[in-house]
Protein backbone atom coordinates (compact mmCIF):
# COMPACT_ATOMS: atom_id res chain seq x y z
CA UNK A 1 156.28 153.71 -3.03
CA UNK A 2 156.55 154.58 0.66
CA UNK A 3 156.72 158.26 -0.27
CA UNK A 4 153.42 157.90 -2.13
CA UNK A 5 151.78 156.51 0.99
CA UNK A 6 153.16 159.48 2.90
CA UNK A 7 151.61 161.90 0.40
CA UNK A 8 148.26 160.12 0.71
CA UNK A 9 148.20 160.78 4.45
CA UNK A 10 147.02 164.33 3.70
CA UNK A 11 143.87 163.08 1.89
CA UNK A 12 140.53 162.57 3.56
CA UNK A 13 139.49 158.95 3.01
CA UNK A 14 136.33 157.48 1.52
CA UNK A 15 134.99 153.92 1.78
CA UNK A 16 133.69 151.63 -0.97
CA UNK A 17 130.14 152.16 0.28
CA UNK A 18 130.53 155.95 0.24
CA UNK A 19 131.94 155.74 -3.29
CA UNK A 20 128.68 154.30 -4.64
CA UNK A 21 127.66 157.74 -5.86
CA UNK A 22 130.44 157.66 -8.48
CA UNK A 23 130.20 154.09 -9.79
CA UNK A 24 130.15 155.56 -13.33
CA UNK A 25 129.55 152.24 -15.05
CA UNK A 26 128.68 154.28 -18.15
CA UNK A 27 131.16 157.07 -18.59
CA UNK A 28 133.76 158.99 -20.56
CA UNK A 29 137.38 157.97 -19.90
CA UNK A 30 140.44 160.17 -20.43
CA UNK A 31 143.90 158.64 -19.96
CA UNK A 32 147.24 160.19 -19.12
CA UNK A 33 150.70 158.72 -18.49
CA UNK A 34 153.61 159.98 -16.41
CA UNK A 35 156.34 158.74 -14.07
CA UNK A 36 156.12 157.66 -10.44
CA UNK A 37 158.36 160.64 -9.64
CA UNK A 38 155.82 163.00 -11.19
CA UNK A 39 153.08 161.24 -9.22
CA UNK A 40 154.84 162.30 -6.04
CA UNK A 41 154.78 165.92 -7.20
CA UNK A 42 151.13 165.79 -8.29
CA UNK A 43 149.47 164.13 -5.31
CA UNK A 44 149.92 167.03 -2.85
CA UNK A 45 148.18 169.29 -5.38
CA UNK A 46 145.07 167.07 -5.39
CA UNK A 47 144.37 166.55 -1.69
CA UNK A 48 142.05 169.56 -1.35
CA UNK A 49 139.85 168.45 -4.25
CA UNK A 50 139.69 164.66 -3.87
CA UNK A 51 139.07 161.92 -1.33
CA UNK A 52 141.20 158.78 -1.48
CA UNK A 53 139.59 155.35 -1.37
CA UNK A 54 140.66 153.22 1.58
CA UNK A 55 140.12 149.46 1.34
CA UNK A 56 141.07 147.03 4.09
CA UNK A 57 143.28 149.69 5.72
CA UNK A 58 145.24 150.49 2.55
CA UNK A 59 145.03 153.36 0.05
CA UNK A 60 147.17 151.51 -2.53
CA UNK A 61 145.34 148.18 -2.99
CA UNK A 62 146.48 145.45 -5.37
CA UNK A 63 144.59 144.26 -8.45
CA UNK A 64 145.10 141.16 -10.57
CA UNK A 65 143.46 140.53 -13.96
CA UNK A 66 143.17 137.68 -16.44
CA UNK A 67 142.27 138.91 -19.93
CA UNK A 68 140.47 136.93 -22.61
CA UNK A 69 140.37 137.18 -26.38
CA UNK A 70 139.76 134.79 -29.24
CA UNK A 71 142.56 133.09 -31.15
CA UNK A 72 142.53 135.87 -33.75
CA UNK A 73 142.95 138.54 -31.03
CA UNK A 74 139.76 140.20 -32.27
CA UNK A 75 139.41 142.51 -29.26
CA UNK A 76 142.98 143.72 -29.72
CA UNK A 77 142.55 144.14 -33.48
CA UNK A 78 139.31 146.10 -33.06
CA UNK A 79 141.11 148.56 -30.80
CA UNK A 80 144.14 148.78 -33.10
CA UNK A 81 141.92 149.37 -36.13
CA UNK A 82 140.06 152.17 -34.36
CA UNK A 83 136.72 150.40 -34.29
CA UNK A 84 134.26 152.57 -32.39
CA UNK A 85 132.28 149.59 -31.08
CA UNK A 86 134.60 147.19 -29.24
CA UNK A 87 134.95 145.02 -26.15
CA UNK A 88 137.39 143.82 -23.50
CA UNK A 89 136.74 140.78 -21.29
CA UNK A 90 138.58 139.99 -18.08
CA UNK A 91 138.35 138.45 -14.65
CA UNK A 92 139.60 140.89 -12.04
CA UNK A 93 140.58 140.09 -8.47
CA UNK A 94 140.41 142.83 -5.87
CA UNK A 95 143.19 141.33 -3.79
CA UNK A 96 142.69 142.89 -0.37
CA UNK A 97 138.93 142.22 -0.50
CA UNK A 98 139.46 138.76 -2.06
CA UNK A 99 136.65 139.44 -4.53
CA UNK A 100 136.52 138.24 -8.15
CA UNK A 101 134.45 139.85 -10.90
CA UNK A 102 133.97 138.86 -14.51
CA UNK A 103 133.99 142.23 -16.26
CA UNK A 104 133.09 143.36 -19.77
CA UNK A 105 134.01 146.82 -21.01
CA UNK A 106 132.11 147.97 -24.06
CA UNK A 107 133.51 151.01 -25.83
CA UNK A 108 130.89 152.63 -28.03
CA UNK A 109 130.56 156.16 -29.44
CA UNK A 110 133.37 157.43 -27.23
CA UNK A 111 131.82 156.13 -24.01
CA UNK A 112 132.70 153.14 -21.82
CA UNK A 113 129.88 150.90 -20.63
CA UNK A 114 131.06 148.44 -17.98
CA UNK A 115 129.11 145.38 -16.89
CA UNK A 116 130.25 142.81 -14.32
CA UNK A 117 129.12 139.83 -12.28
CA UNK A 118 130.65 138.14 -9.26
CA UNK A 119 132.63 135.00 -10.09
CA UNK A 120 134.44 132.56 -7.84
CA UNK A 121 138.06 132.54 -9.05
CA UNK A 122 140.37 132.89 -12.05
CA UNK A 123 138.70 130.35 -14.34
CA UNK A 124 140.74 129.95 -17.51
CA UNK A 125 137.80 128.03 -18.91
CA UNK A 126 134.66 130.00 -18.13
CA UNK A 127 131.82 128.05 -16.46
CA UNK A 128 128.46 127.98 -18.20
CA UNK A 129 126.90 130.81 -16.15
CA UNK A 130 129.86 133.14 -16.80
CA UNK A 131 129.96 132.18 -20.48
CA UNK A 132 126.26 132.94 -20.84
CA UNK A 133 126.84 136.42 -19.36
CA UNK A 134 129.68 137.08 -21.81
CA UNK A 135 127.78 135.82 -24.84
CA UNK A 136 124.74 137.89 -23.91
CA UNK A 137 126.80 141.08 -23.62
CA UNK A 138 128.89 140.43 -26.75
CA UNK A 139 125.88 139.20 -28.78
CA UNK A 140 128.15 136.50 -30.16
CA UNK A 141 129.59 133.08 -29.34
CA UNK A 142 133.30 133.87 -29.47
CA UNK A 143 135.60 131.05 -28.39
CA UNK A 144 137.48 132.98 -25.72
CA UNK A 145 140.85 131.89 -24.35
CA UNK A 146 143.06 133.49 -21.66
CA UNK A 147 145.69 135.68 -23.29
CA UNK A 148 147.42 137.63 -20.52
CA UNK A 149 147.80 138.18 -16.77
CA UNK A 150 148.13 141.70 -15.44
CA UNK A 151 148.77 143.05 -11.95
CA UNK A 152 149.16 146.55 -10.53
CA UNK A 153 148.48 148.76 -7.54
CA UNK A 154 145.90 151.51 -7.70
CA UNK A 155 145.16 154.79 -6.01
CA UNK A 156 141.51 155.78 -6.45
CA UNK A 157 140.59 159.42 -5.93
CA UNK A 158 137.00 160.68 -5.79
CA UNK A 159 136.15 164.30 -6.49
CA UNK A 160 134.63 166.21 -3.59
CA UNK A 161 132.44 168.32 -5.89
CA UNK A 162 132.05 166.57 -9.26
CA UNK A 163 130.67 163.23 -10.41
CA UNK A 164 134.20 162.09 -11.14
CA UNK A 165 136.67 159.38 -10.22
CA UNK A 166 140.40 159.20 -10.92
CA UNK A 167 142.46 156.01 -10.88
CA UNK A 168 146.26 156.02 -10.75
CA UNK A 169 147.81 152.64 -11.61
CA UNK A 170 151.46 151.81 -10.88
CA UNK A 171 153.76 148.80 -10.40
CA UNK A 172 152.26 147.47 -13.64
CA UNK A 173 153.22 143.93 -14.66
CA UNK A 174 152.16 141.78 -17.64
CA UNK A 175 152.74 138.03 -17.77
CA UNK A 176 151.96 134.97 -19.87
CA UNK A 177 153.66 131.56 -20.07
CA UNK A 178 156.74 132.69 -18.18
CA UNK A 179 157.18 135.93 -20.16
CA UNK A 180 157.10 138.96 -17.85
CA UNK A 181 157.10 142.63 -18.82
CA UNK A 182 157.31 145.23 -16.06
CA UNK A 183 156.41 148.93 -16.18
CA UNK A 184 157.27 149.77 -12.58
CA UNK A 185 158.17 153.40 -13.26
CA UNK A 186 155.03 154.20 -15.25
CA UNK A 187 151.77 155.60 -13.89
CA UNK A 188 148.63 155.28 -15.99
CA UNK A 189 145.96 157.73 -14.89
CA UNK A 190 142.36 157.37 -15.99
CA UNK A 191 139.87 160.14 -15.40
CA UNK A 192 136.34 158.71 -15.34
CA UNK A 193 133.53 161.24 -15.80
CA UNK A 194 129.81 161.21 -16.54
CA UNK A 195 130.58 163.60 -19.41
CA UNK A 196 133.88 165.08 -20.51
CA UNK A 197 134.75 168.02 -18.26
CA UNK A 198 138.04 169.70 -19.11
CA UNK A 199 137.58 172.06 -16.16
CA UNK A 200 138.18 169.16 -13.79
CA UNK A 201 140.92 169.83 -11.24
CA UNK A 202 142.98 166.91 -12.50
CA UNK A 203 142.45 167.72 -16.18
CA UNK A 204 143.61 171.29 -15.58
CA UNK A 205 146.61 170.01 -13.61
CA UNK A 206 147.60 167.81 -16.54
CA UNK A 207 147.29 170.78 -18.88
CA UNK A 208 149.45 172.92 -16.60
CA UNK A 209 152.18 170.25 -16.58
CA UNK A 210 151.85 169.76 -20.36
CA UNK A 211 150.81 166.11 -20.01
CA UNK A 212 148.48 165.38 -22.88
CA UNK A 213 145.72 162.74 -23.00
CA UNK A 214 146.51 159.55 -24.90
CA UNK A 215 144.54 156.48 -25.95
CA UNK A 216 145.92 153.02 -25.28
CA UNK A 217 144.60 150.37 -22.91
CA UNK A 218 146.72 148.31 -20.52
CA UNK A 219 145.41 145.26 -22.37
CA UNK A 220 146.82 146.47 -25.69
CA UNK A 221 150.10 147.57 -24.11
CA UNK A 222 150.56 144.19 -22.45
CA UNK A 223 149.51 142.23 -25.53
CA UNK A 224 152.15 143.91 -27.67
CA UNK A 225 154.81 143.42 -25.00
CA UNK A 226 153.97 139.74 -24.51
CA UNK A 227 153.30 138.65 -28.08
CA UNK A 228 155.18 141.13 -30.27
CA UNK A 229 155.15 141.28 -34.04
CA UNK A 230 155.18 137.50 -34.43
CA UNK A 231 151.49 137.40 -33.57
CA UNK A 232 150.19 140.96 -33.64
CA UNK A 233 150.11 143.86 -36.03
CA UNK A 234 150.44 147.09 -34.07
CA UNK A 235 151.74 149.78 -36.43
CA UNK A 236 149.21 152.33 -35.19
CA UNK A 237 150.33 151.78 -31.60
CA UNK A 238 154.09 152.10 -32.11
CA UNK A 239 154.33 155.84 -31.40
CA UNK A 240 152.29 155.46 -28.20
CA UNK A 241 154.32 152.42 -27.12
CA UNK A 242 157.59 154.29 -27.59
CA UNK A 243 156.15 157.14 -25.52
CA UNK A 244 155.19 154.84 -22.63
CA UNK A 245 158.50 152.97 -22.75
CA UNK A 246 160.37 156.28 -22.69
CA UNK A 247 158.44 157.35 -19.58
CA UNK A 248 159.24 154.03 -17.90
CA UNK A 249 162.92 154.17 -18.91
CA UNK A 250 163.53 157.86 -18.14
CA UNK A 251 162.30 157.44 -14.56
CA UNK A 252 164.98 154.84 -13.77
């Protein structure tokens, strides 16, 4: 990804503190998928409209996540079944900053509401304070267990004119109990907006390149890849999974 770093040289940078104006903890998300090769073509077209986040002297920081679900994979099943009120729970490490957050994403009525608290490490068994936070947000006492590790690098772009943030995730890896699934040619882009704005520079760029929005979380993608049909039903995801695998394969 050295070429990507070269393309990012043309962007003005923004710090974490300066990015506070676009935290967007309650937002509308729109996802797109394309290849790392296409990313190289797209980045130069975005530098006039977006800042790039720089953290600890890098514009492509690393992220690591540990996802939780119950033994019935209720969070996964809610997403697969199209439930409009659903959750994801994870611990995320911001590697360069060495910060850990316990994060809960609540999808409701087409919006994402994200809550998080600082935690100390990747606890596979949540301590009482963290568990209380989760139970309060979920309004239930689910017996959560770790189901999957995920790592990736991320480029974060911040609009110069709109209340909008764009994340571009690449070098995506899923892992559990020695099983590893890599999507190192795939880029998952997520446009985060206060309200859906199809006139956004990035949205219009996707339209111009005939890259359509799609709906599938990294958690669901990784769960299917790690556990397969032996444990999960994912009929409704199969078309999307084939699409993402084709992107990853065709870029090789």
